[in-house]
Amino acid sequence: LNGKELVAAGLATHFVPSEKIPELEKRLIGLNSGNEQAVKSAIEE
C-alpha cells in the first residue's frame, strides 16, 4: 500500500508531501507540547 492508501484504509492518520516533512518536524518541535489537539492542528497545516 502507498501513502494515499494507508490513510484511506485507516492505517495512517495524515498524508504530508515529502518535501514538507522537514517543516512539519520543525513545527512539531516548536510546539514544545504534547497536547493532542495542538499536535493534530500542526500536522494538518
All heavy atoms as atom14 arrays in JSON, in Angstrom:
{
  "sequence": "LNGKELVAAGLATHFVPSEKIPELEKRLIGLNSGNEQAVKSAIEE",
  "atom14_mask": [
    [1, 1, 1, 1, 1, 1, 1, 1, 0, 0, 0, 0, 0, 0],
    [1, 1, 1, 1, 1, 1, 1, 1, 0, 0, 0, 0, 0, 0],
    [1, 1, 1, 1, 0, 0, 0, 0, 0, 0, 0, 0, 0, 0],
    [1, 1, 1, 1, 1, 1, 1, 1, 1, 0, 0, 0, 0, 0],
    [1, 1, 1, 1, 1, 1, 1, 1, 1, 0, 0, 0, 0, 0],
    [1, 1, 1, 1, 1, 1, 1, 1, 0, 0, 0, 0, 0, 0],
    [1, 1, 1, 1, 1, 1, 1, 0, 0, 0, 0, 0, 0, 0],
    [1, 1, 1, 1, 1, 0, 0, 0, 0, 0, 0, 0, 0, 0],
    [1, 1, 1, 1, 1, 0, 0, 0, 0, 0, 0, 0, 0, 0],
    [1, 1, 1, 1, 0, 0, 0, 0, 0, 0, 0, 0, 0, 0],
    [1, 1, 1, 1, 1, 1, 1, 1, 0, 0, 0, 0, 0, 0],
    [1, 1, 1, 1, 1, 0, 0, 0, 0, 0, 0, 0, 0, 0],
    [1, 1, 1, 1, 1, 1, 1, 0, 0, 0, 0, 0, 0, 0],
    [1, 1, 1, 1, 1, 1, 1, 1, 1, 1, 0, 0, 0, 0],
    [1, 1, 1, 1, 1, 1, 1, 1, 1, 1, 1, 0, 0, 0],
    [1, 1, 1, 1, 1, 1, 1, 0, 0, 0, 0, 0, 0, 0],
    [1, 1, 1, 1, 1, 1, 1, 0, 0, 0, 0, 0, 0, 0],
    [1, 1, 1, 1, 1, 1, 0, 0, 0, 0, 0, 0, 0, 0],
    [1, 1, 1, 1, 1, 1, 1, 1, 1, 0, 0, 0, 0, 0],
    [1, 1, 1, 1, 1, 1, 1, 1, 1, 0, 0, 0, 0, 0],
    [1, 1, 1, 1, 1, 1, 1, 1, 0, 0, 0, 0, 0, 0],
    [1, 1, 1, 1, 1, 1, 1, 0, 0, 0, 0, 0, 0, 0],
    [1, 1, 1, 1, 1, 1, 1, 1, 1, 0, 0, 0, 0, 0],
    [1, 1, 1, 1, 1, 1, 1, 1, 0, 0, 0, 0, 0, 0],
    [1, 1, 1, 1, 1, 1, 1, 1, 1, 0, 0, 0, 0, 0],
    [1, 1, 1, 1, 1, 1, 1, 1, 1, 0, 0, 0, 0, 0],
    [1, 1, 1, 1, 1, 1, 1, 1, 1, 1, 1, 0, 0, 0],
    [1, 1, 1, 1, 1, 1, 1, 1, 0, 0, 0, 0, 0, 0],
    [1, 1, 1, 1, 1, 1, 1, 1, 0, 0, 0, 0, 0, 0],
    [1, 1, 1, 1, 0, 0, 0, 0, 0, 0, 0, 0, 0, 0],
    [1, 1, 1, 1, 1, 1, 1, 1, 0, 0, 0, 0, 0, 0],
    [1, 1, 1, 1, 1, 1, 1, 1, 0, 0, 0, 0, 0, 0],
    [1, 1, 1, 1, 1, 1, 0, 0, 0, 0, 0, 0, 0, 0],
    [1, 1, 1, 1, 0, 0, 0, 0, 0, 0, 0, 0, 0, 0],
    [1, 1, 1, 1, 1, 1, 1, 1, 0, 0, 0, 0, 0, 0],
    [1, 1, 1, 1, 1, 1, 1, 1, 1, 0, 0, 0, 0, 0],
    [1, 1, 1, 1, 1, 1, 1, 1, 1, 0, 0, 0, 0, 0],
    [1, 1, 1, 1, 1, 0, 0, 0, 0, 0, 0, 0, 0, 0],
    [1, 1, 1, 1, 1, 1, 1, 0, 0, 0, 0, 0, 0, 0],
    [1, 1, 1, 1, 1, 1, 1, 1, 1, 0, 0, 0, 0, 0],
    [1, 1, 1, 1, 1, 1, 0, 0, 0, 0, 0, 0, 0, 0],
    [1, 1, 1, 1, 1, 0, 0, 0, 0, 0, 0, 0, 0, 0],
    [1, 1, 1, 1, 1, 1, 1, 1, 0, 0, 0, 0, 0, 0],
    [1, 1, 1, 1, 1, 1, 1, 1, 1, 0, 0, 0, 0, 0],
    [1, 1, 1, 1, 1, 1, 1, 1, 1, 0, 0, 0, 0, 0]
  ],
  "atom14_positions": [
    [[0.85, -1.18, 0.0], [0.0, 0.0, 0.0], [0.89, 1.24, 0.0], [1.94, 1.25, 0.64], [-0.91, 0.03, 1.23], [-1.92, -1.1, 1.41], [-2.75, -0.86, 2.67], [-2.83, -1.25, 0.2], [0.0, 0.0, 0.0], [0.0, 0.0, 0.0], [0.0, 0.0, 0.0], [0.0, 0.0, 0.0], [0.0, 0.0, 0.0], [0.0, 0.0, 0.0]],
    [[0.47, 2.26, -0.73], [1.22, 3.52, -0.71], [0.63, 4.45, 0.35], [-0.33, 4.1, 1.05], [1.24, 4.16, -2.1], [-0.16, 4.47, -2.63], [-1.07, 4.79, -1.87], [-0.33, 4.38, -3.94], [0.0, 0.0, 0.0], [0.0, 0.0, 0.0], [0.0, 0.0, 0.0], [0.0, 0.0, 0.0], [0.0, 0.0, 0.0], [0.0, 0.0, 0.0]],
    [[1.2, 5.65, 0.45], [0.75, 6.57, 1.49], [-0.72, 6.94, 1.39], [-1.42, 7.0, 2.4], [0.0, 0.0, 0.0], [0.0, 0.0, 0.0], [0.0, 0.0, 0.0], [0.0, 0.0, 0.0], [0.0, 0.0, 0.0], [0.0, 0.0, 0.0], [0.0, 0.0, 0.0], [0.0, 0.0, 0.0], [0.0, 0.0, 0.0], [0.0, 0.0, 0.0]],
    [[-1.19, 7.19, 0.17], [-2.6, 7.52, -0.02], [-3.49, 6.39, 0.49], [-4.5, 6.62, 1.17], [-2.89, 7.76, -1.5], [-2.21, 8.97, -2.11], [-2.56, 9.05, -3.6], [-1.87, 10.2, -4.29], [-2.21, 10.24, -5.73], [0.0, 0.0, 0.0], [0.0, 0.0, 0.0], [0.0, 0.0, 0.0], [0.0, 0.0, 0.0], [0.0, 0.0, 0.0]],
    [[-3.12, 5.17, 0.15], [-3.93, 4.01, 0.53], [-3.92, 3.79, 2.03], [-4.92, 3.37, 2.62], [-3.44, 2.78, -0.22], [-3.7, 2.84, -1.72], [-2.94, 1.78, -2.5], [-1.8, 1.44, -2.11], [-3.48, 1.31, -3.52], [0.0, 0.0, 0.0], [0.0, 0.0, 0.0], [0.0, 0.0, 0.0], [0.0, 0.0, 0.0], [0.0, 0.0, 0.0]],
    [[-2.79, 4.05, 2.66], [-2.69, 3.86, 4.11], [-3.64, 4.8, 4.85], [-4.3, 4.4, 5.82], [-1.25, 4.09, 4.58], [-0.26, 2.97, 4.26], [1.17, 3.44, 4.5], [-0.57, 1.73, 5.08], [0.0, 0.0, 0.0], [0.0, 0.0, 0.0], [0.0, 0.0, 0.0], [0.0, 0.0, 0.0], [0.0, 0.0, 0.0], [0.0, 0.0, 0.0]],
    [[-3.72, 6.04, 4.39], [-4.63, 6.99, 5.02], [-6.07, 6.58, 4.75], [-6.92, 6.59, 5.65], [-4.37, 8.42, 4.51], [-5.43, 9.38, 5.02], [-2.99, 8.89, 4.95], [0.0, 0.0, 0.0], [0.0, 0.0, 0.0], [0.0, 0.0, 0.0], [0.0, 0.0, 0.0], [0.0, 0.0, 0.0], [0.0, 0.0, 0.0], [0.0, 0.0, 0.0]],
    [[-6.37, 6.17, 3.52], [-7.72, 5.76, 3.16], [-8.18, 4.55, 3.96], [-9.34, 4.43, 4.35], [-7.81, 5.47, 1.67], [0.0, 0.0, 0.0], [0.0, 0.0, 0.0], [0.0, 0.0, 0.0], [0.0, 0.0, 0.0], [0.0, 0.0, 0.0], [0.0, 0.0, 0.0], [0.0, 0.0, 0.0], [0.0, 0.0, 0.0], [0.0, 0.0, 0.0]],
    [[-7.24, 3.64, 4.24], [-7.58, 2.42, 4.98], [-7.58, 2.62, 6.48], [-8.01, 1.74, 7.22], [-6.6, 1.31, 4.61], [0.0, 0.0, 0.0], [0.0, 0.0, 0.0], [0.0, 0.0, 0.0], [0.0, 0.0, 0.0], [0.0, 0.0, 0.0], [0.0, 0.0, 0.0], [0.0, 0.0, 0.0], [0.0, 0.0, 0.0], [0.0, 0.0, 0.0]],
    [[-7.08, 3.75, 6.95], [-7.04, 4.0, 8.39], [-5.81, 3.44, 9.05], [-5.74, 3.37, 10.28], [0.0, 0.0, 0.0], [0.0, 0.0, 0.0], [0.0, 0.0, 0.0], [0.0, 0.0, 0.0], [0.0, 0.0, 0.0], [0.0, 0.0, 0.0], [0.0, 0.0, 0.0], [0.0, 0.0, 0.0], [0.0, 0.0, 0.0], [0.0, 0.0, 0.0]],
    [[-4.8, 3.07, 8.27], [-3.55, 2.56, 8.83], [-2.53, 3.68, 9.05], [-1.44, 3.45, 9.57], [-2.96, 1.48, 7.92], [-3.77, 0.18, 7.86], [-3.29, -0.71, 6.73], [-3.71, -0.56, 9.19], [0.0, 0.0, 0.0], [0.0, 0.0, 0.0], [0.0, 0.0, 0.0], [0.0, 0.0, 0.0], [0.0, 0.0, 0.0], [0.0, 0.0, 0.0]],
    [[-2.89, 4.89, 8.63], [-2.12, 6.1, 8.92], [-3.12, 7.23, 9.09], [-4.25, 7.16, 8.59], [-1.13, 6.4, 7.79], [0.0, 0.0, 0.0], [0.0, 0.0, 0.0], [0.0, 0.0, 0.0], [0.0, 0.0, 0.0], [0.0, 0.0, 0.0], [0.0, 0.0, 0.0], [0.0, 0.0, 0.0], [0.0, 0.0, 0.0], [0.0, 0.0, 0.0]],
    [[-2.72, 8.28, 9.77], [-3.67, 9.37, 10.05], [-3.57, 10.53, 9.09], [-4.57, 11.2, 8.82], [-3.49, 9.89, 11.49], [-2.16, 10.42, 11.63], [-3.73, 8.79, 12.51], [0.0, 0.0, 0.0], [0.0, 0.0, 0.0], [0.0, 0.0, 0.0], [0.0, 0.0, 0.0], [0.0, 0.0, 0.0], [0.0, 0.0, 0.0], [0.0, 0.0, 0.0]],
    [[-2.36, 10.81, 8.56], [-2.18, 12.0, 7.72], [-1.21, 11.73, 6.57], [-0.24, 10.99, 6.73], [-1.64, 13.18, 8.54], [-2.57, 13.67, 9.6], [-2.64, 13.06, 10.85], [-3.47, 14.68, 9.62], [-3.55, 13.7, 11.58], [-4.07, 14.67, 10.86], [0.0, 0.0, 0.0], [0.0, 0.0, 0.0], [0.0, 0.0, 0.0], [0.0, 0.0, 0.0]],
    [[-1.49, 12.39, 5.44], [-0.58, 12.36, 4.29], [0.04, 13.74, 4.14], [-0.67, 14.75, 4.01], [-1.34, 12.0, 3.02], [-0.48, 11.9, 1.79], [0.0, 10.66, 1.36], [-0.13, 13.03, 1.06], [0.81, 10.56, 0.23], [0.68, 12.94, -0.07], [1.14, 11.7, -0.48], [0.0, 0.0, 0.0], [0.0, 0.0, 0.0], [0.0, 0.0, 0.0]],
    [[1.37, 13.78, 4.18], [2.11, 15.04, 4.02], [3.13, 14.85, 2.9], [3.91, 13.9, 2.93], [2.84, 15.43, 5.33], [3.72, 16.66, 5.11], [1.84, 15.68, 6.45], [0.0, 0.0, 0.0], [0.0, 0.0, 0.0], [0.0, 0.0, 0.0], [0.0, 0.0, 0.0], [0.0, 0.0, 0.0], [0.0, 0.0, 0.0], [0.0, 0.0, 0.0]],
    [[3.14, 15.71, 1.89], [4.15, 15.6, 0.83], [5.56, 15.59, 1.42], [5.84, 16.34, 2.37], [3.9, 16.85, -0.02], [2.45, 17.17, 0.21], [2.21, 16.83, 1.65], [0.0, 0.0, 0.0], [0.0, 0.0, 0.0], [0.0, 0.0, 0.0], [0.0, 0.0, 0.0], [0.0, 0.0, 0.0], [0.0, 0.0, 0.0], [0.0, 0.0, 0.0]],
    [[6.43, 14.75, 0.87], [7.75, 14.55, 1.48], [8.56, 15.84, 1.58], [9.35, 16.0, 2.53], [8.53, 13.5, 0.68], [8.7, 13.92, -0.66], [0.0, 0.0, 0.0], [0.0, 0.0, 0.0], [0.0, 0.0, 0.0], [0.0, 0.0, 0.0], [0.0, 0.0, 0.0], [0.0, 0.0, 0.0], [0.0, 0.0, 0.0], [0.0, 0.0, 0.0]],
    [[8.37, 16.77, 0.64], [9.16, 18.0, 0.7], [8.78, 18.87, 1.89], [9.53, 19.78, 2.28], [9.04, 18.8, -0.6], [7.67, 19.39, -0.88], [6.78, 18.48, -1.7], [7.1, 17.27, -1.8], [5.76, 18.97, -2.24], [0.0, 0.0, 0.0], [0.0, 0.0, 0.0], [0.0, 0.0, 0.0], [0.0, 0.0, 0.0], [0.0, 0.0, 0.0]],
    [[7.62, 18.6, 2.48], [7.17, 19.38, 3.63], [7.54, 18.74, 4.98], [7.28, 19.33, 6.03], [5.65, 19.57, 3.58], [5.17, 20.44, 2.42], [3.68, 20.67, 2.51], [3.19, 21.59, 1.39], [1.72, 21.82, 1.49], [0.0, 0.0, 0.0], [0.0, 0.0, 0.0], [0.0, 0.0, 0.0], [0.0, 0.0, 0.0], [0.0, 0.0, 0.0]],
    [[8.12, 17.55, 4.94], [8.43, 16.83, 6.19], [9.4, 17.61, 7.08], [9.18, 17.71, 8.3], [8.96, 15.42, 5.88], [7.84, 14.54, 5.32], [9.56, 14.78, 7.13], [6.68, 14.31, 6.25], [0.0, 0.0, 0.0], [0.0, 0.0, 0.0], [0.0, 0.0, 0.0], [0.0, 0.0, 0.0], [0.0, 0.0, 0.0], [0.0, 0.0, 0.0]],
    [[10.49, 18.19, 6.54], [11.37, 18.97, 7.42], [10.65, 20.12, 8.13], [10.89, 20.38, 9.32], [12.45, 19.48, 6.47], [12.47, 18.47, 5.35], [11.03, 18.09, 5.17], [0.0, 0.0, 0.0], [0.0, 0.0, 0.0], [0.0, 0.0, 0.0], [0.0, 0.0, 0.0], [0.0, 0.0, 0.0], [0.0, 0.0, 0.0], [0.0, 0.0, 0.0]],
    [[9.75, 20.8, 7.41], [8.99, 21.9, 8.01], [8.04, 21.38, 9.08], [7.88, 22.01, 10.14], [8.18, 22.64, 6.94], [9.01, 23.35, 5.89], [8.12, 23.98, 4.83], [7.36, 24.91, 5.18], [8.15, 23.51, 3.67], [0.0, 0.0, 0.0], [0.0, 0.0, 0.0], [0.0, 0.0, 0.0], [0.0, 0.0, 0.0], [0.0, 0.0, 0.0]],
    [[7.4, 20.24, 8.79], [6.5, 19.64, 9.78], [7.24, 19.29, 11.05], [6.77, 19.57, 12.17], [5.84, 18.39, 9.2], [5.06, 17.51, 10.2], [3.9, 18.29, 10.79], [4.59, 16.22, 9.53], [0.0, 0.0, 0.0], [0.0, 0.0, 0.0], [0.0, 0.0, 0.0], [0.0, 0.0, 0.0], [0.0, 0.0, 0.0], [0.0, 0.0, 0.0]],
    [[8.42, 18.7, 10.89], [9.21, 18.31, 12.06], [9.56, 19.53, 12.9], [9.42, 19.52, 14.13], [10.48, 17.59, 11.6], [11.25, 16.94, 12.71], [12.43, 16.13, 12.2], [12.3, 15.49, 11.14], [13.49, 16.15, 12.86], [0.0, 0.0, 0.0], [0.0, 0.0, 0.0], [0.0, 0.0, 0.0], [0.0, 0.0, 0.0], [0.0, 0.0, 0.0]],
    [[9.98, 20.61, 12.24], [10.3, 21.84, 12.96], [9.07, 22.4, 13.67], [9.17, 22.91, 14.79], [10.86, 22.88, 11.99], [12.25, 22.56, 11.47], [12.73, 23.64, 10.51], [14.11, 23.31, 9.94], [14.56, 24.34, 8.96], [0.0, 0.0, 0.0], [0.0, 0.0, 0.0], [0.0, 0.0, 0.0], [0.0, 0.0, 0.0], [0.0, 0.0, 0.0]],
    [[7.93, 22.33, 13.0], [6.68, 22.86, 13.58], [6.31, 22.1, 14.85], [5.92, 22.68, 15.86], [5.57, 22.75, 12.55], [4.21, 23.25, 13.05], [4.18, 24.76, 13.12], [2.86, 25.22, 13.51], [2.44, 25.39, 14.76], [3.27, 25.15, 15.77], [1.21, 25.81, 15.02], [0.0, 0.0, 0.0], [0.0, 0.0, 0.0], [0.0, 0.0, 0.0]],
    [[6.43, 20.76, 14.79], [6.08, 19.93, 15.94], [7.04, 20.17, 17.11], [6.63, 20.24, 18.26], [6.08, 18.45, 15.55], [4.96, 18.02, 14.6], [5.18, 16.58, 14.11], [3.6, 18.14, 15.27], [0.0, 0.0, 0.0], [0.0, 0.0, 0.0], [0.0, 0.0, 0.0], [0.0, 0.0, 0.0], [0.0, 0.0, 0.0], [0.0, 0.0, 0.0]],
    [[8.31, 20.31, 16.77], [9.3, 20.59, 17.82], [9.02, 21.95, 18.45], [9.1, 22.14, 19.67], [10.72, 20.53, 17.24], [11.08, 19.08, 16.85], [11.75, 21.09, 18.24], [12.36, 18.96, 16.05], [0.0, 0.0, 0.0], [0.0, 0.0, 0.0], [0.0, 0.0, 0.0], [0.0, 0.0, 0.0], [0.0, 0.0, 0.0], [0.0, 0.0, 0.0]],
    [[8.63, 22.89, 17.6], [8.36, 24.24, 18.08], [7.15, 24.32, 19.0], [7.06, 25.23, 19.83], [0.0, 0.0, 0.0], [0.0, 0.0, 0.0], [0.0, 0.0, 0.0], [0.0, 0.0, 0.0], [0.0, 0.0, 0.0], [0.0, 0.0, 0.0], [0.0, 0.0, 0.0], [0.0, 0.0, 0.0], [0.0, 0.0, 0.0], [0.0, 0.0, 0.0]],
    [[6.23, 23.36, 18.86], [5.08, 23.34, 19.77], [5.5, 23.2, 21.22], [4.91, 23.78, 22.12], [4.15, 22.16, 19.43], [3.24, 22.24, 18.23], [2.47, 20.94, 18.08], [2.27, 23.41, 18.36], [0.0, 0.0, 0.0], [0.0, 0.0, 0.0], [0.0, 0.0, 0.0], [0.0, 0.0, 0.0], [0.0, 0.0, 0.0], [0.0, 0.0, 0.0]],
    [[6.53, 22.37, 21.41], [7.02, 22.07, 22.76], [5.88, 21.64, 23.68], [5.82, 22.01, 24.85], [7.74, 23.29, 23.35], [8.66, 22.9, 24.5], [9.15, 21.77, 24.55], [8.9, 23.83, 25.4], [0.0, 0.0, 0.0], [0.0, 0.0, 0.0], [0.0, 0.0, 0.0], [0.0, 0.0, 0.0], [0.0, 0.0, 0.0], [0.0, 0.0, 0.0]],
    [[4.96, 20.84, 23.09], [3.78, 20.41, 23.84], [3.28, 19.08, 23.28], [3.48, 18.77, 22.1], [2.67, 21.46, 23.71], [1.43, 20.96, 24.17], [0.0, 0.0, 0.0], [0.0, 0.0, 0.0], [0.0, 0.0, 0.0], [0.0, 0.0, 0.0], [0.0, 0.0, 0.0], [0.0, 0.0, 0.0], [0.0, 0.0, 0.0], [0.0, 0.0, 0.0]],
    [[2.61, 18.31, 24.16], [2.02, 17.05, 23.73], [0.51, 17.13, 23.64], [-0.15, 16.09, 23.49], [0.0, 0.0, 0.0], [0.0, 0.0, 0.0], [0.0, 0.0, 0.0], [0.0, 0.0, 0.0], [0.0, 0.0, 0.0], [0.0, 0.0, 0.0], [0.0, 0.0, 0.0], [0.0, 0.0, 0.0], [0.0, 0.0, 0.0], [0.0, 0.0, 0.0]],
    [[-0.03, 18.33, 23.7], [-1.47, 18.49, 23.6], [-1.95, 17.91, 22.28], [-1.52, 18.35, 21.2], [-1.85, 19.97, 23.7], [-3.33, 20.2, 23.56], [-3.86, 20.32, 22.46], [-4.02, 20.27, 24.7], [0.0, 0.0, 0.0], [0.0, 0.0, 0.0], [0.0, 0.0, 0.0], [0.0, 0.0, 0.0], [0.0, 0.0, 0.0], [0.0, 0.0, 0.0]],
    [[-2.87, 16.93, 22.35], [-3.25, 16.2, 21.14], [-3.89, 17.1, 20.09], [-3.62, 16.95, 18.9], [-4.2, 15.05, 21.51], [-3.51, 13.92, 22.23], [-4.42, 12.73, 22.45], [-5.55, 12.72, 21.9], [-4.01, 11.8, 23.17], [0.0, 0.0, 0.0], [0.0, 0.0, 0.0], [0.0, 0.0, 0.0], [0.0, 0.0, 0.0], [0.0, 0.0, 0.0]],
    [[-4.73, 18.02, 20.51], [-5.39, 18.9, 19.55], [-4.38, 19.82, 18.89], [-4.45, 20.09, 17.68], [-6.49, 19.71, 20.22], [-7.35, 20.51, 19.24], [-7.97, 19.64, 18.16], [-8.61, 18.63, 18.44], [-7.78, 20.01, 16.89], [0.0, 0.0, 0.0], [0.0, 0.0, 0.0], [0.0, 0.0, 0.0], [0.0, 0.0, 0.0], [0.0, 0.0, 0.0]],
    [[-3.42, 20.3, 19.66], [-2.38, 21.18, 19.11], [-1.51, 20.43, 18.11], [-1.16, 20.96, 17.05], [-1.53, 21.77, 20.24], [0.0, 0.0, 0.0], [0.0, 0.0, 0.0], [0.0, 0.0, 0.0], [0.0, 0.0, 0.0], [0.0, 0.0, 0.0], [0.0, 0.0, 0.0], [0.0, 0.0, 0.0], [0.0, 0.0, 0.0], [0.0, 0.0, 0.0]],
    [[-1.16, 19.19, 18.46], [-0.35, 18.36, 17.56], [-1.12, 18.07, 16.28], [-0.58, 18.18, 15.17], [0.06, 17.05, 18.26], [0.72, 16.1, 17.26], [1.02, 17.34, 19.41], [0.0, 0.0, 0.0], [0.0, 0.0, 0.0], [0.0, 0.0, 0.0], [0.0, 0.0, 0.0], [0.0, 0.0, 0.0], [0.0, 0.0, 0.0], [0.0, 0.0, 0.0]],
    [[-2.38, 17.71, 16.41], [-3.2, 17.42, 15.25], [-3.31, 18.64, 14.34], [-3.16, 18.53, 13.11], [-4.6, 16.97, 15.69], [-5.52, 16.63, 14.53], [-6.9, 16.2, 15.04], [-7.82, 15.86, 13.89], [-9.18, 15.5, 14.36], [0.0, 0.0, 0.0], [0.0, 0.0, 0.0], [0.0, 0.0, 0.0], [0.0, 0.0, 0.0], [0.0, 0.0, 0.0]],
    [[-3.54, 19.79, 14.92], [-3.67, 21.02, 14.13], [-2.37, 21.35, 13.41], [-2.38, 21.79, 12.25], [-4.07, 22.19, 15.04], [-5.35, 21.98, 15.6], [0.0, 0.0, 0.0], [0.0, 0.0, 0.0], [0.0, 0.0, 0.0], [0.0, 0.0, 0.0], [0.0, 0.0, 0.0], [0.0, 0.0, 0.0], [0.0, 0.0, 0.0], [0.0, 0.0, 0.0]],
    [[-1.25, 21.11, 14.08], [0.05, 21.38, 13.46], [0.28, 20.48, 12.26], [0.75, 20.92, 11.21], [1.16, 21.18, 14.5], [0.0, 0.0, 0.0], [0.0, 0.0, 0.0], [0.0, 0.0, 0.0], [0.0, 0.0, 0.0], [0.0, 0.0, 0.0], [0.0, 0.0, 0.0], [0.0, 0.0, 0.0], [0.0, 0.0, 0.0], [0.0, 0.0, 0.0]],
    [[-0.06, 19.2, 12.41], [0.11, 18.27, 11.29], [-0.8, 18.65, 10.14], [-0.41, 18.6, 8.96], [-0.17, 16.82, 11.75], [0.86, 16.39, 12.8], [-0.11, 15.86, 10.56], [0.56, 15.03, 13.43], [0.0, 0.0, 0.0], [0.0, 0.0, 0.0], [0.0, 0.0, 0.0], [0.0, 0.0, 0.0], [0.0, 0.0, 0.0], [0.0, 0.0, 0.0]],
    [[-2.01, 19.07, 10.46], [-2.98, 19.41, 9.43], [-2.58, 20.66, 8.65], [-3.06, 20.87, 7.52], [-4.37, 19.59, 10.05], [-4.98, 18.26, 10.48], [-6.32, 18.42, 11.18], [-6.65, 19.57, 11.58], [-7.01, 17.4, 11.35], [0.0, 0.0, 0.0], [0.0, 0.0, 0.0], [0.0, 0.0, 0.0], [0.0, 0.0, 0.0], [0.0, 0.0, 0.0]],
    [[-1.68, 21.47, 9.19], [-1.16, 22.62, 8.45], [-0.38, 22.17, 7.22], [-0.28, 22.91, 6.22], [-0.24, 23.46, 9.35], [-0.95, 24.2, 10.47], [0.03, 24.92, 11.36], [1.18, 25.18, 10.91], [-0.31, 25.23, 12.52], [0.0, 0.0, 0.0], [0.0, 0.0, 0.0], [0.0, 0.0, 0.0], [0.0, 0.0, 0.0], [0.0, 0.0, 0.0]]
  ]
}
